[in-house]
Amino acid sequence: MGCEMRTLLTLLLSFLVLWAQQPSKAIFIEPKRGYYDTIEAKANEFKAPKKKTQKTVMKVDLSNIKIPKSISEFKYVWHNTPISQGITNTCWSFSTTSFFESEIYRLKNKKIRLSPMYNAYLEYIEKATEFVKTRGKTHIGEGSMADALLRLWKKYGCVPYDVYTGLLDGQEVYDHAAMFSEIKSFLESVKKNNFWSETFVIDGIKNILNTYMKEPPTEFTYEGKKWTPQQFFQNYVGLNLDDYYSIISLNKYPFYEKIVYEVPDNWWFSDEYYNVPLNEFMQIINFAIEKNISMSIGGDVSEPGIDSWAKVAVVPEFDIPFDKINDDARMFRFYNGTTYDDHGVHLLGYTDIDGKRWYLIKDSGAGSRNVGDKGYYFFNEDYVKLKIVNFLIHKDGIPENIKKKLNIK
């Protein structure tokens, strides 16, 4: 080996020694999936509950039914654009608030959006107060009835939507699941411990509501003027709530008399429901909507004939032929529980297609926002006839011959 070669090898060895002495550095890499991941996955798969095959849902075949495709096909009253109720059971407030907004425009020529959550907040206070008075016998749920707003607005007034949205800072959608769970647990504890202090209970309920909904204002400015909710209702909104009537049709009870509507959401046992035969129930609806008077309606929305992707509600022939829908068929379904008052919506328009009437429905529920015109459904007249149980309406929307039978002035 020559000198030059030895010198080169010496330099190379010196470089390797120096390189080996350099401090190590940390780097970040994506971890590789090793065998442990494989056995862990198999172990978890064995321990996990077996996934159930998703059940199919029975729906009506709409291919042979001519249905509306857009709200543009309807004649309808003025109304505010729909708002989603989110993850809440406050349809009763959204639908009836929307109805009263249309009424304010019809009777007062004012366009205003009011707060549905102001009503919901106060209804919890009302329920909790009665819960104490009845020593825990009052039904506690998220739901209520359209005519609850008659009671609430007379006592508390109302506020514009922009004044009280009921949303927390940064919150985009309503979600009352945790809030209602806390309310229910709190009241169950009150009952269990037999602690019936109204002050304690109402303060506790308000603390929960304020956490999830914020506290409603006792005073606010609107159109440059200061108002309390009571002043705002009396002097700005100005509706005469005594002109509004709840109409129902159930032949279990005497017709042309007022009855108690026996459902949990009528938690205060209102007996102000005017019971009429089915043909007059439908006569009122058609008379009113043709006069550009809308109504807040309540009924069943859990049928094969409802399709949120087509935005329609119909009664399939396999359920009952259209010409067989009568008082008994309607009462039978309410009696056996297949008709239930589980949703409130705003009926605000109509159209006629091939001799069949369709009603335009403004709906705060999620299904109405799946496709097409967001916040709307199209209810066939037969669906309303069979599955809608009651509605709240202004007396102007009731024909004179029926008013006389009900002794409505």
Protein backbone atom coordinates (compact mmCIF):
# COMPACT_ATOMS: atom_id res chain seq x y z
CA MET A 1 0.00 0.00 0.00
CA GLY A 2 1.45 3.33 -1.05
CA CYS A 3 1.81 6.40 1.13
CA GLU A 4 -0.94 8.23 -0.69
CA MET A 5 -3.38 5.38 -0.09
CA ARG A 6 -2.50 5.20 3.64
CA THR A 7 -2.94 8.94 3.96
CA LEU A 8 -6.39 8.72 2.31
CA LEU A 9 -7.48 5.90 4.64
CA THR A 10 -6.24 7.84 7.67
CA LEU A 11 -8.24 10.90 6.65
CA LEU A 12 -11.34 8.75 6.02
CA LEU A 13 -11.09 7.10 9.45
CA SER A 14 -10.60 10.48 11.10
CA PHE A 15 -13.75 11.78 9.36
CA LEU A 16 -15.77 8.77 10.47
CA VAL A 17 -14.67 9.22 14.07
CA LEU A 18 -15.58 12.92 14.00
CA TRP A 19 -18.94 12.17 12.31
CA ALA A 20 -19.79 9.54 14.92
CA GLN A 21 -19.19 12.07 17.67
CA GLN A 22 -21.77 14.57 16.28
CA PRO A 23 -24.81 14.98 18.59
CA SER A 24 -28.01 13.18 17.44
CA LYS A 25 -31.07 15.16 16.37
CA ALA A 26 -34.79 14.50 16.88
CA ILE A 27 -37.16 14.29 13.97
CA PHE A 28 -40.93 13.75 13.73
CA ILE A 29 -42.39 11.04 11.52
CA GLU A 30 -45.74 9.34 11.11
CA PRO A 31 -45.68 6.12 13.18
CA LYS A 32 -45.90 2.86 11.26
CA ARG A 33 -48.63 0.41 12.09
CA GLY A 34 -47.02 -2.57 13.77
CA TYR A 35 -48.38 -5.96 14.66
CA TYR A 36 -49.59 -4.69 18.05
CA ASP A 37 -52.08 -2.49 16.26
CA THR A 38 -53.38 -5.54 14.45
CA ILE A 39 -53.98 -7.60 17.57
CA GLU A 40 -55.44 -4.61 19.42
CA ALA A 41 -57.95 -4.06 16.64
CA LYS A 42 -58.96 -7.72 16.66
CA ALA A 43 -59.35 -7.67 20.45
CA ASN A 44 -61.53 -4.55 20.33
CA GLU A 45 -63.59 -5.99 17.52
CA PHE A 46 -64.30 -9.10 19.60
CA LYS A 47 -65.25 -7.04 22.69
CA ALA A 48 -67.41 -4.51 20.83
CA PRO A 49 -71.16 -5.10 20.61
CA LYS A 50 -72.18 -6.55 17.30
CA LYS A 51 -73.52 -3.91 14.95
CA LYS A 52 -77.15 -4.36 14.10
CA THR A 53 -78.18 -4.24 10.50
CA GLN A 54 -79.92 -0.91 9.90
CA LYS A 55 -83.66 -1.40 9.68
CA THR A 56 -85.49 -0.28 6.61
CA VAL A 57 -88.19 2.38 6.97
CA MET A 58 -91.61 1.94 5.41
CA LYS A 59 -92.51 4.79 3.07
CA VAL A 60 -95.17 5.37 0.47
CA ASP A 61 -94.26 5.09 -3.21
CA LEU A 62 -94.82 8.59 -4.58
CA SER A 63 -94.02 7.80 -8.19
CA ASN A 64 -97.68 7.76 -9.26
CA ILE A 65 -98.75 10.81 -7.23
CA LYS A 66 -98.54 14.28 -8.71
CA ILE A 67 -97.00 16.37 -5.94
CA PRO A 68 -95.92 20.01 -5.61
CA LYS A 69 -92.25 20.69 -6.23
CA SER A 70 -91.81 24.24 -4.93
CA ILE A 71 -93.42 26.90 -2.78
CA SER A 72 -93.80 28.91 -5.98
CA GLU A 73 -96.81 26.72 -6.81
CA PHE A 74 -98.69 27.97 -3.74
CA LYS A 75 -100.65 31.04 -2.77
CA TYR A 76 -99.54 31.92 0.75
CA VAL A 77 -99.62 34.60 3.44
CA TRP A 78 -96.72 36.86 4.31
CA HIS A 79 -94.35 35.19 6.77
CA ASN A 80 -90.77 35.35 7.93
CA THR A 81 -88.27 32.90 6.47
CA PRO A 82 -88.12 29.63 8.43
CA ILE A 83 -85.75 29.17 11.39
CA SER A 84 -84.56 25.76 12.57
CA GLN A 85 -85.49 24.71 16.10
CA GLY A 86 -82.25 22.69 16.23
CA ILE A 87 -82.03 19.88 18.79
CA THR A 88 -85.03 21.00 20.84
CA ASN A 89 -88.69 20.08 21.19
CA THR A 90 -89.90 23.65 20.91
CA CYS A 91 -91.90 23.31 17.67
CA TRP A 92 -94.99 24.59 19.53
CA SER A 93 -93.27 27.95 20.06
CA PHE A 94 -91.64 28.25 16.63
CA SER A 95 -94.84 27.43 14.74
CA THR A 96 -97.11 29.66 16.82
CA THR A 97 -94.65 32.54 16.91
CA SER A 98 -94.50 32.35 13.12
CA PHE A 99 -98.30 32.30 12.99
CA PHE A 100 -98.55 35.42 15.14
CA GLU A 101 -95.91 37.19 13.03
CA SER A 102 -98.16 36.64 10.01
CA GLU A 103 -101.14 37.86 12.02
CA ILE A 104 -99.29 41.04 13.06
CA TYR A 105 -98.67 41.75 9.40
CA ARG A 106 -102.27 40.93 8.41
CA LEU A 107 -103.89 43.01 11.15
CA LYS A 108 -101.26 45.68 11.91
CA ASN A 109 -99.26 45.86 8.67
CA LYS A 110 -96.00 45.38 10.60
CA LYS A 111 -93.23 42.99 9.61
CA ILE A 112 -91.36 41.76 12.67
CA ARG A 113 -89.54 38.60 13.72
CA LEU A 114 -90.28 37.61 17.31
CA SER A 115 -88.33 35.36 19.69
CA PRO A 116 -89.58 31.75 19.99
CA MET A 117 -87.04 31.01 22.73
CA TYR A 118 -88.37 33.79 24.96
CA ASN A 119 -91.60 31.78 25.12
CA ALA A 120 -89.74 28.51 25.74
CA TYR A 121 -87.74 30.03 28.60
CA LEU A 122 -90.87 31.33 30.34
CA GLU A 123 -92.79 28.11 29.80
CA TYR A 124 -90.15 26.25 31.82
CA ILE A 125 -90.68 28.76 34.63
CA GLU A 126 -94.42 28.22 34.44
CA LYS A 127 -94.04 24.43 34.51
CA ALA A 128 -91.65 24.53 37.45
CA THR A 129 -93.98 26.83 39.40
CA GLU A 130 -96.90 24.48 38.86
CA PHE A 131 -94.65 21.50 39.65
CA VAL A 132 -94.15 22.94 43.14
CA LYS A 133 -97.83 23.76 43.59
CA THR A 134 -98.94 20.26 42.58
CA ARG A 135 -96.15 18.59 44.56
CA GLY A 136 -94.59 17.06 41.49
CA LYS A 137 -97.71 16.03 39.55
CA THR A 138 -97.18 18.47 36.67
CA HIS A 139 -95.87 16.91 33.47
CA ILE A 140 -92.35 18.17 32.75
CA GLY A 141 -91.31 18.01 29.12
CA GLU A 142 -89.90 20.24 26.41
CA GLY A 143 -93.20 20.40 24.57
CA SER A 144 -96.30 22.54 24.96
CA MET A 145 -99.29 23.66 22.90
CA ALA A 146 -99.98 26.52 20.50
CA ASP A 147 -102.36 28.21 22.93
CA ALA A 148 -99.58 28.40 25.52
CA LEU A 149 -98.58 31.66 23.80
CA LEU A 150 -101.96 33.17 24.64
CA ARG A 151 -101.22 32.55 28.32
CA LEU A 152 -97.56 33.55 28.16
CA TRP A 153 -97.99 36.78 26.19
CA LYS A 154 -100.85 37.97 28.38
CA LYS A 155 -98.65 37.49 31.44
CA TYR A 156 -95.13 38.27 30.21
CA GLY A 157 -95.39 39.95 26.83
CA CYS A 158 -93.01 39.14 23.98
CA VAL A 159 -89.71 40.39 22.52
CA PRO A 160 -88.12 40.71 19.06
CA TYR A 161 -85.86 37.90 17.90
CA ASP A 162 -82.79 40.15 17.69
CA VAL A 163 -83.29 41.16 21.33
CA TYR A 164 -83.32 37.56 22.56
CA THR A 165 -82.23 34.69 20.31
CA GLY A 166 -81.73 32.17 23.09
CA LEU A 167 -78.31 31.29 21.65
CA LEU A 168 -75.05 31.51 23.55
CA ASP A 169 -72.11 33.51 22.17
CA GLY A 170 -70.69 31.63 19.21
CA GLN A 171 -73.52 29.07 19.19
CA GLU A 172 -75.05 28.54 15.76
CA VAL A 173 -77.76 25.94 16.42
CA TYR A 174 -80.12 25.32 19.30
CA ASP A 175 -79.38 22.30 21.49
CA HIS A 176 -81.42 21.76 24.66
CA ALA A 177 -80.56 18.10 25.29
CA ALA A 178 -78.20 18.70 28.23
CA MET A 179 -80.30 21.57 29.55
CA PHE A 180 -83.50 19.54 29.70
CA SER A 181 -81.65 16.64 31.30
CA GLU A 182 -80.46 18.97 34.07
CA ILE A 183 -83.94 20.45 34.54
CA LYS A 184 -85.50 17.02 34.82
CA SER A 185 -82.85 15.76 37.26
CA PHE A 186 -83.18 18.87 39.40
CA LEU A 187 -86.96 18.59 39.67
CA GLU A 188 -86.78 14.85 40.36
CA SER A 189 -84.39 15.63 43.22
CA VAL A 190 -86.79 18.26 44.56
CA LYS A 191 -89.60 15.71 44.55
CA LYS A 192 -87.48 12.94 46.04
CA ASN A 193 -86.35 15.17 48.90
CA ASN A 194 -89.81 16.72 49.37
CA PHE A 195 -88.28 20.19 49.23
CA TRP A 196 -91.12 22.38 47.99
CA SER A 197 -89.68 25.86 48.30
CA GLU A 198 -90.94 27.75 45.25
CA THR A 199 -88.16 30.36 45.53
CA PHE A 200 -85.48 27.67 45.67
CA VAL A 201 -86.95 25.73 42.74
CA ILE A 202 -87.48 28.72 40.45
CA ASP A 203 -83.99 30.07 41.21
CA GLY A 204 -82.57 26.66 40.39
CA ILE A 205 -84.47 26.43 37.10
CA LYS A 206 -83.42 29.96 36.13
CA ASN A 207 -79.77 29.15 36.82
CA ILE A 208 -79.98 26.18 34.45
CA LEU A 209 -81.84 28.15 31.77
CA ASN A 210 -79.45 31.09 32.02
CA THR A 211 -76.49 28.76 31.57
CA TYR A 212 -77.82 27.28 28.33
CA MET A 213 -80.02 30.05 26.93
CA LYS A 214 -78.92 33.31 28.59
CA GLU A 215 -81.28 35.40 30.68
CA PRO A 216 -84.03 37.24 28.74
CA PRO A 217 -84.08 41.04 28.96
CA THR A 218 -86.49 42.89 31.23
CA GLU A 219 -86.01 46.04 29.15
CA PHE A 220 -84.73 46.64 25.63
CA THR A 221 -84.57 49.22 22.85
CA TYR A 222 -86.46 48.69 19.61
CA GLU A 223 -86.85 51.26 16.83
CA GLY A 224 -85.23 53.87 19.04
CA LYS A 225 -87.60 53.40 21.97
CA LYS A 226 -87.23 51.59 25.28
CA TRP A 227 -89.71 48.81 26.06
CA THR A 228 -90.46 46.15 28.61
CA PRO A 229 -91.75 42.89 27.07
CA GLN A 230 -95.25 43.68 28.39
CA GLN A 231 -95.20 47.21 26.94
CA PHE A 232 -93.88 45.90 23.64
CA PHE A 233 -96.72 43.40 23.31
CA GLN A 234 -99.46 45.78 24.40
CA ASN A 235 -98.38 48.92 22.58
CA TYR A 236 -96.37 47.70 19.58
CA VAL A 237 -97.67 44.23 18.73
CA GLY A 238 -101.18 45.08 19.83
CA LEU A 239 -102.97 41.80 19.05
CA ASN A 240 -106.19 41.00 20.91
CA LEU A 241 -105.41 37.48 22.09
CA ASP A 242 -109.04 36.91 23.07
CA ASP A 243 -109.80 36.75 19.34
CA TYR A 244 -107.88 33.48 18.94
CA TYR A 245 -109.46 30.06 19.33
CA SER A 246 -108.22 26.48 19.54
CA ILE A 247 -110.22 24.16 17.28
CA ILE A 248 -110.14 20.37 17.64
CA SER A 249 -112.01 17.44 16.11
CA LEU A 250 -112.38 14.23 18.16
CA ASN A 251 -115.75 12.49 18.19
CA LYS A 252 -115.09 10.90 21.57
CA TYR A 253 -116.31 14.21 22.98
CA PRO A 254 -119.51 16.24 22.40
CA PHE A 255 -119.35 18.52 19.39
CA TYR A 256 -119.76 22.30 19.70
CA GLU A 257 -118.51 22.24 23.26
CA LYS A 258 -115.16 23.13 24.82
CA ILE A 259 -113.09 20.15 25.98
CA VAL A 260 -109.81 19.38 27.74
CA TYR A 261 -107.29 18.13 25.18
CA GLU A 262 -105.91 15.05 26.90
CA VAL A 263 -102.25 14.97 25.89
CA PRO A 264 -99.14 15.48 28.08
CA ASP A 265 -98.16 18.72 26.33
CA ASN A 266 -101.42 20.28 27.55
CA TRP A 267 -99.78 20.13 30.97
CA TRP A 268 -101.99 22.87 32.44
CA PHE A 269 -105.18 21.02 31.35
CA SER A 270 -106.57 23.79 29.19
CA ASP A 271 -110.27 23.23 28.52
CA GLU A 272 -110.45 25.86 25.78
CA TYR A 273 -110.53 23.48 22.80
CA TYR A 274 -113.67 23.91 20.67
CA ASN A 275 -114.67 20.50 19.34
CA VAL A 276 -116.22 20.34 15.86
CA PRO A 277 -117.07 17.53 13.40
CA LEU A 278 -114.37 16.67 10.89
CA ASN A 279 -116.18 18.16 7.89
CA GLU A 280 -116.40 21.52 9.71
CA PHE A 281 -112.79 21.20 10.89
CA MET A 282 -111.75 21.07 7.23
CA GLN A 283 -114.28 23.74 6.27
CA ILE A 284 -112.64 26.19 8.69
CA ILE A 285 -109.16 25.46 7.35
CA ASN A 286 -110.16 26.00 3.74
CA PHE A 287 -112.33 29.04 4.48
CA ALA A 288 -109.47 30.68 6.39
CA ILE A 289 -106.59 29.99 4.03
CA GLU A 290 -108.63 31.12 1.03
CA LYS A 291 -109.14 34.41 2.90
CA ASN A 292 -105.37 34.69 3.42
CA ILE A 293 -105.63 33.77 7.12
CA SER A 294 -103.12 31.20 8.37
CA MET A 295 -103.11 28.98 11.47
CA SER A 296 -100.81 27.08 13.82
CA ILE A 297 -101.61 23.37 13.54
CA GLY A 298 -100.64 20.31 15.57
CA GLY A 299 -100.74 16.62 14.80
CA ASP A 300 -98.88 13.47 13.88
CA VAL A 301 -95.76 13.45 11.69
CA SER A 302 -94.54 9.86 12.08
CA GLU A 303 -96.31 8.18 9.17
CA PRO A 304 -95.14 6.25 6.10
CA GLY A 305 -96.87 8.95 4.08
CA ILE A 306 -94.37 11.61 5.18
CA ASP A 307 -91.26 11.87 3.04
CA SER A 308 -88.81 14.62 3.95
CA TRP A 309 -86.84 14.11 0.75
CA ALA A 310 -89.93 14.76 -1.36
CA LYS A 311 -91.15 17.34 1.20
CA VAL A 312 -94.66 15.88 1.21
CA ALA A 313 -97.17 14.28 3.58
CA VAL A 314 -99.90 12.07 2.10
CA VAL A 315 -102.23 9.28 3.26
CA PRO A 316 -101.44 6.11 1.31
CA GLU A 317 -104.28 4.03 -0.09
CA PHE A 318 -102.86 1.03 1.80
CA ASP A 319 -103.57 2.91 5.05
CA ILE A 320 -107.11 4.04 4.29
CA PRO A 321 -108.84 4.96 1.02
CA PHE A 322 -109.25 8.69 0.74
CA ASP A 323 -113.07 8.56 0.63
CA LYS A 324 -113.17 6.54 3.86
CA ILE A 325 -111.55 9.19 6.06
CA ASN A 326 -114.24 10.23 8.53
CA ASP A 327 -114.71 11.09 12.21
CA ASP A 328 -114.49 7.45 13.30
CA ALA A 329 -111.34 6.69 11.28
CA ARG A 330 -109.71 9.77 12.72
CA MET A 331 -110.76 9.00 16.31
CA PHE A 332 -109.71 5.37 15.98
CA ARG A 333 -106.14 6.40 15.21
CA PHE A 334 -106.05 8.84 18.10
CA TYR A 335 -107.51 6.14 20.38
CA ASN A 336 -104.97 3.45 19.45
CA GLY A 337 -102.00 5.82 19.53
CA THR A 338 -101.14 5.84 15.83
CA THR A 339 -102.18 9.49 15.73
CA TYR A 340 -100.42 11.64 18.28
CA ASP A 341 -99.93 15.36 18.71
CA ASP A 342 -96.16 15.27 18.33
CA HIS A 343 -95.38 18.30 16.19
CA GLY A 344 -96.55 21.86 15.61
CA VAL A 345 -96.24 23.65 12.26
CA HIS A 346 -97.58 26.77 10.55
CA LEU A 347 -100.13 26.23 7.76
CA LEU A 348 -99.82 29.30 5.55
CA GLY A 349 -100.84 28.57 1.98
CA TYR A 350 -102.57 26.28 -0.51
CA THR A 351 -102.67 25.08 -4.09
CA ASP A 352 -104.90 22.68 -6.05
CA ILE A 353 -103.42 19.99 -8.28
CA ASP A 354 -105.62 17.59 -10.26
CA GLY A 355 -108.57 18.23 -7.97
CA LYS A 356 -106.58 17.64 -4.78
CA ARG A 357 -105.75 20.40 -2.32
CA TRP A 358 -102.26 20.79 -0.93
CA TYR A 359 -101.27 23.03 1.98
CA LEU A 360 -97.99 24.87 2.31
CA ILE A 361 -96.46 24.17 5.71
CA LYS A 362 -93.71 26.16 7.39
CA ASP A 363 -91.80 23.74 9.62
CA SER A 364 -88.97 24.38 12.10
CA GLY A 365 -88.06 20.67 12.22
CA ALA A 366 -84.89 19.26 10.68
CA GLY A 367 -86.58 17.13 8.02
CA SER A 368 -87.94 20.20 6.26
CA ARG A 369 -84.36 21.28 5.49
CA ASN A 370 -83.10 18.14 3.78
CA VAL A 371 -83.72 19.35 0.23
CA GLY A 372 -85.40 22.03 -1.83
CA ASP A 373 -87.13 24.97 -0.17
CA LYS A 374 -85.58 24.89 3.29
CA GLY A 375 -88.11 24.92 6.11
CA TYR A 376 -91.23 23.90 4.16
CA TYR A 377 -93.43 20.85 3.61
CA PHE A 378 -96.39 20.20 1.33
CA PHE A 379 -99.27 18.48 3.15
CA ASN A 380 -102.02 16.82 1.15
CA GLU A 381 -105.58 17.62 2.30
CA ASP A 382 -106.17 13.96 3.21
CA TYR A 383 -103.20 13.98 5.54
CA VAL A 384 -104.52 17.05 7.32
CA LYS A 385 -107.98 15.49 7.47
CA LEU A 386 -106.74 12.28 9.07
CA LYS A 387 -103.66 13.22 11.08
CA ILE A 388 -103.87 16.90 12.13
CA VAL A 389 -105.75 17.06 15.42
CA ASN A 390 -106.06 20.77 16.28
CA PHE A 391 -105.20 24.31 15.25
CA LEU A 392 -105.10 27.85 16.66
CA ILE A 393 -106.81 30.47 14.52
CA HIS A 394 -108.21 34.00 14.57
CA LYS A 395 -111.99 34.24 14.70
CA ASP A 396 -111.93 35.92 11.26
CA GLY A 397 -110.97 32.53 9.86
CA ILE A 398 -114.07 30.76 11.20
CA PRO A 399 -117.22 30.79 9.02
CA GLU A 400 -120.21 32.54 10.58
CA ASN A 401 -122.41 29.44 10.68
CA ILE A 402 -119.77 27.59 12.73
CA LYS A 403 -119.16 30.60 14.98
CA LYS A 404 -122.84 30.56 15.91
CA LYS A 405 -122.69 26.87 16.82
CA LEU A 406 -119.63 27.54 19.00
CA ASN A 407 -121.10 30.74 20.45
CA ILE A 408 -118.11 32.75 19.22
CA LYS A 409 -118.90 36.44 18.75
